[in-house]
């Protein structure tokens, strides 16, 4: 009977039990914070990449030269934006010939396959496969 009382009063393992109960929540919170920060960084980089490509095309004299300048800028995405993987960038250009000044719209689809967001997508079921960015510049 005295051993049972001694065992019930012993609190030496309480910290380990509390850690086992709280650790999964803390790790999930940490993982969620890292994933959210990474998503925001990649999303911002994709938007800035589209804006930079649209701005770089302004120096061109005709549509072909403007598209070539924007493509050159996009081909350096991996060097300019460290969070982006060059092979995941899928650009499309739309030229606005209806207005008197004209303009270009740069649309970018960034594929997240193989990144941290793809891993989080599996855990959290985010149903996220691409991050989209768009920018328009009038000439």
C-alpha atoms as a PDB file:
ATOM      1  CA  UNK A   1       0.000   0.000   0.000  1.00  0.00           C
ATOM      2  CA  UNK A   2       2.855   2.408   0.749  1.00  0.00           C
ATOM      3  CA  UNK A   3       4.396   1.780  -2.681  1.00  0.00           C
ATOM      4  CA  UNK A   4       1.101   2.706  -4.368  1.00  0.00           C
ATOM      5  CA  UNK A   5       0.907   5.959  -2.402  1.00  0.00           C
ATOM      6  CA  UNK A   6       4.496   6.764  -3.242  1.00  0.00           C
ATOM      7  CA  UNK A   7       3.847   6.118  -6.934  1.00  0.00           C
ATOM      8  CA  UNK A   8       0.755   8.369  -6.939  1.00  0.00           C
ATOM      9  CA  UNK A   9       2.657  11.220  -5.268  1.00  0.00           C
ATOM     10  CA  UNK A  10       5.723  10.970  -7.505  1.00  0.00           C
ATOM     11  CA  UNK A  11       5.727  13.847 -10.079  1.00  0.00           C
ATOM     12  CA  UNK A  12       9.152  13.283 -11.610  1.00  0.00           C
ATOM     13  CA  UNK A  13       7.739  12.244 -15.026  1.00  0.00           C
ATOM     14  CA  UNK A  14       5.085  14.972 -15.289  1.00  0.00           C
ATOM     15  CA  UNK A  15       7.178  17.180 -17.572  1.00  0.00           C
ATOM     16  CA  UNK A  16       7.781  14.346 -20.030  1.00  0.00           C
ATOM     17  CA  UNK A  17       4.061  13.551 -20.168  1.00  0.00           C
ATOM     18  CA  UNK A  18       3.178  17.213 -20.695  1.00  0.00           C
ATOM     19  CA  UNK A  19       5.746  17.463 -23.483  1.00  0.00           C
ATOM     20  CA  UNK A  20       4.317  14.399 -25.233  1.00  0.00           C
ATOM     21  CA  UNK A  21       0.837  15.930 -25.067  1.00  0.00           C
ATOM     22  CA  UNK A  22       1.836  19.428 -26.262  1.00  0.00           C
ATOM     23  CA  UNK A  23       4.662  18.701 -28.755  1.00  0.00           C
ATOM     24  CA  UNK A  24       2.434  17.693 -31.708  1.00  0.00           C
ATOM     25  CA  UNK A  25       0.509  20.949 -31.481  1.00  0.00           C
ATOM     26  CA  UNK A  26       3.677  23.015 -31.252  1.00  0.00           C
ATOM     27  CA  UNK A  27       5.255  21.217 -34.215  1.00  0.00           C
ATOM     28  CA  UNK A  28       2.063  21.632 -36.269  1.00  0.00           C
ATOM     29  CA  UNK A  29       2.015  25.336 -35.447  1.00  0.00           C
ATOM     30  CA  UNK A  30       5.665  25.685 -36.415  1.00  0.00           C
ATOM     31  CA  UNK A  31       5.173  23.765 -39.681  1.00  0.00           C
ATOM     32  CA  UNK A  32       2.091  25.863 -40.524  1.00  0.00           C
ATOM     33  CA  UNK A  33       3.981  29.091 -39.888  1.00  0.00           C
ATOM     34  CA  UNK A  34       6.875  28.027 -42.114  1.00  0.00           C
ATOM     35  CA  UNK A  35       4.510  26.904 -44.900  1.00  0.00           C
ATOM     36  CA  UNK A  36       2.485  30.120 -44.739  1.00  0.00           C
ATOM     37  CA  UNK A  37       5.647  32.233 -44.858  1.00  0.00           C
ATOM     38  CA  UNK A  38       6.997  30.227 -47.788  1.00  0.00           C
ATOM     39  CA  UNK A  39       3.671  30.535 -49.648  1.00  0.00           C
ATOM     40  CA  UNK A  40       3.612  34.285 -49.138  1.00  0.00           C
ATOM     41  CA  UNK A  41       7.228  34.593 -50.310  1.00  0.00           C
ATOM     42  CA  UNK A  42       6.675  32.511 -53.447  1.00  0.00           C
ATOM     43  CA  UNK A  43       3.404  34.284 -54.235  1.00  0.00           C
ATOM     44  CA  UNK A  44       5.062  37.687 -53.892  1.00  0.00           C
ATOM     45  CA  UNK A  45       8.008  36.555 -56.023  1.00  0.00           C
ATOM     46  CA  UNK A  46       5.667  35.349 -58.797  1.00  0.00           C
ATOM     47  CA  UNK A  47       3.819  38.690 -58.778  1.00  0.00           C
ATOM     48  CA  UNK A  48       7.093  40.619 -58.842  1.00  0.00           C
ATOM     49  CA  UNK A  49       8.412  38.415 -61.644  1.00  0.00           C
ATOM     50  CA  UNK A  50       5.351  39.213 -63.760  1.00  0.00           C
ATOM     51  CA  UNK A  51       5.658  42.931 -63.006  1.00  0.00           C
ATOM     52  CA  UNK A  52       9.378  42.946 -63.789  1.00  0.00           C
ATOM     53  CA  UNK A  53       8.856  41.139 -67.093  1.00  0.00           C
ATOM     54  CA  UNK A  54       6.128  43.588 -68.082  1.00  0.00           C
ATOM     55  CA  UNK A  55       8.302  46.577 -67.161  1.00  0.00           C
ATOM     56  CA  UNK A  56      11.312  45.188 -69.019  1.00  0.00           C
ATOM     57  CA  UNK A  57       9.263  44.890 -72.205  1.00  0.00           C
ATOM     58  CA  UNK A  58       8.699  48.656 -72.333  1.00  0.00           C
ATOM     59  CA  UNK A  59      12.127  49.169 -73.926  1.00  0.00           C
ATOM     60  CA  UNK A  60      11.114  47.235 -77.053  1.00  0.00           C
ATOM     61  CA  UNK A  61      10.140  49.010 -80.254  1.00  0.00           C
ATOM     62  CA  UNK A  62       7.713  46.437 -81.630  1.00  0.00           C
ATOM     63  CA  UNK A  63       5.739  43.449 -80.350  1.00  0.00           C
ATOM     64  CA  UNK A  64       8.412  40.858 -81.182  1.00  0.00           C
ATOM     65  CA  UNK A  65      11.160  42.826 -79.454  1.00  0.00           C
ATOM     66  CA  UNK A  66       8.962  43.443 -76.391  1.00  0.00           C
ATOM     67  CA  UNK A  67       8.166  39.743 -76.117  1.00  0.00           C
ATOM     68  CA  UNK A  68      11.866  38.890 -76.455  1.00  0.00           C
ATOM     69  CA  UNK A  69      12.795  41.330 -73.674  1.00  0.00           C
ATOM     70  CA  UNK A  70      10.095  39.930 -71.370  1.00  0.00           C
ATOM     71  CA  UNK A  71      11.178  36.359 -72.163  1.00  0.00           C
ATOM     72  CA  UNK A  72      14.809  37.205 -71.393  1.00  0.00           C
ATOM     73  CA  UNK A  73      13.752  38.635 -68.037  1.00  0.00           C
ATOM     74  CA  UNK A  74      11.666  35.541 -67.266  1.00  0.00           C
ATOM     75  CA  UNK A  75      14.539  33.219 -68.192  1.00  0.00           C
ATOM     76  CA  UNK A  76      16.535  34.777 -65.333  1.00  0.00           C
ATOM     77  CA  UNK A  77      13.778  34.140 -62.758  1.00  0.00           C
ATOM     78  CA  UNK A  78      15.839  31.633 -60.793  1.00  0.00           C
ATOM     79  CA  UNK A  79      18.697  34.129 -60.420  1.00  0.00           C
ATOM     80  CA  UNK A  80      16.521  37.139 -59.599  1.00  0.00           C
ATOM     81  CA  UNK A  81      14.133  35.417 -57.192  1.00  0.00           C
ATOM     82  CA  UNK A  82      15.783  32.772 -54.981  1.00  0.00           C
ATOM     83  CA  UNK A  83      12.490  31.183 -53.872  1.00  0.00           C
ATOM     84  CA  UNK A  84      11.511  30.348 -57.457  1.00  0.00           C
ATOM     85  CA  UNK A  85      12.581  27.326 -59.470  1.00  0.00           C
ATOM     86  CA  UNK A  86      13.174  28.269 -63.100  1.00  0.00           C
ATOM     87  CA  UNK A  87      11.579  25.137 -64.577  1.00  0.00           C
ATOM     88  CA  UNK A  88       8.313  25.764 -62.692  1.00  0.00           C
ATOM     89  CA  UNK A  89       7.683  29.156 -64.360  1.00  0.00           C
ATOM     90  CA  UNK A  90       5.143  29.024 -67.212  1.00  0.00           C
ATOM     91  CA  UNK A  91       4.699  32.490 -68.798  1.00  0.00           C
ATOM     92  CA  UNK A  92       2.091  33.748 -71.273  1.00  0.00           C
ATOM     93  CA  UNK A  93       2.007  37.140 -72.976  1.00  0.00           C
ATOM     94  CA  UNK A  94      -1.045  39.007 -74.174  1.00  0.00           C
ATOM     95  CA  UNK A  95      -0.600  42.172 -76.198  1.00  0.00           C
ATOM     96  CA  UNK A  96      -3.267  44.855 -76.062  1.00  0.00           C
ATOM     97  CA  UNK A  97      -3.528  46.206 -79.581  1.00  0.00           C
ATOM     98  CA  UNK A  98      -7.050  47.647 -79.207  1.00  0.00           C
ATOM     99  CA  UNK A  99      -6.087  50.788 -77.324  1.00  0.00           C
ATOM    100  CA  UNK A 100      -4.202  53.635 -78.940  1.00  0.00           C
ATOM    101  CA  UNK A 101      -1.164  53.204 -76.716  1.00  0.00           C
ATOM    102  CA  UNK A 102      -1.114  49.402 -76.595  1.00  0.00           C
ATOM    103  CA  UNK A 103       0.161  47.333 -73.722  1.00  0.00           C
ATOM    104  CA  UNK A 104       1.283  43.924 -72.519  1.00  0.00           C
ATOM    105  CA  UNK A 105      -0.194  41.563 -69.953  1.00  0.00           C
ATOM    106  CA  UNK A 106       2.174  39.004 -68.490  1.00  0.00           C
ATOM    107  CA  UNK A 107       0.518  35.971 -66.892  1.00  0.00           C
ATOM    108  CA  UNK A 108       2.639  33.489 -64.958  1.00  0.00           C
ATOM    109  CA  UNK A 109       1.621  30.084 -63.652  1.00  0.00           C
ATOM    110  CA  UNK A 110       4.115  28.732 -61.122  1.00  0.00           C
ATOM    111  CA  UNK A 111       3.919  24.965 -60.615  1.00  0.00           C
ATOM    112  CA  UNK A 112       4.457  23.933 -56.971  1.00  0.00           C
ATOM    113  CA  UNK A 113       5.205  20.240 -57.617  1.00  0.00           C
ATOM    114  CA  UNK A 114       8.169  19.058 -55.567  1.00  0.00           C
ATOM    115  CA  UNK A 115       8.291  22.102 -53.296  1.00  0.00           C
ATOM    116  CA  UNK A 116       7.479  22.569 -49.626  1.00  0.00           C
ATOM    117  CA  UNK A 117       4.002  23.701 -50.654  1.00  0.00           C
ATOM    118  CA  UNK A 118       3.434  20.388 -52.419  1.00  0.00           C
ATOM    119  CA  UNK A 119       4.327  18.540 -49.211  1.00  0.00           C
ATOM    120  CA  UNK A 120       1.992  20.760 -47.184  1.00  0.00           C
ATOM    121  CA  UNK A 121      -0.678  20.235 -49.823  1.00  0.00           C
ATOM    122  CA  UNK A 122      -0.595  16.523 -49.040  1.00  0.00           C
ATOM    123  CA  UNK A 123      -0.926  17.056 -45.284  1.00  0.00           C
ATOM    124  CA  UNK A 124      -3.427  19.885 -45.294  1.00  0.00           C
ATOM    125  CA  UNK A 125      -5.438  19.149 -48.448  1.00  0.00           C
ATOM    126  CA  UNK A 126      -5.055  22.696 -49.783  1.00  0.00           C
ATOM    127  CA  UNK A 127      -5.914  21.680 -53.371  1.00  0.00           C
ATOM    128  CA  UNK A 128      -3.180  23.979 -54.636  1.00  0.00           C
ATOM    129  CA  UNK A 129      -1.235  23.110 -57.770  1.00  0.00           C
ATOM    130  CA  UNK A 130      -0.166  26.484 -59.180  1.00  0.00           C
ATOM    131  CA  UNK A 131       0.418  30.031 -58.018  1.00  0.00           C
ATOM    132  CA  UNK A 132      -0.675  32.658 -60.508  1.00  0.00           C
ATOM    133  CA  UNK A 133       0.802  36.101 -61.089  1.00  0.00           C
ATOM    134  CA  UNK A 134      -0.266  38.819 -63.490  1.00  0.00           C
ATOM    135  CA  UNK A 135       0.949  42.271 -64.478  1.00  0.00           C
ATOM    136  CA  UNK A 136      -0.153  44.814 -67.098  1.00  0.00           C
ATOM    137  CA  UNK A 137       1.848  47.683 -68.532  1.00  0.00           C
ATOM    138  CA  UNK A 138       0.438  50.180 -71.033  1.00  0.00           C
ATOM    139  CA  UNK A 139       2.825  51.565 -73.658  1.00  0.00           C
END
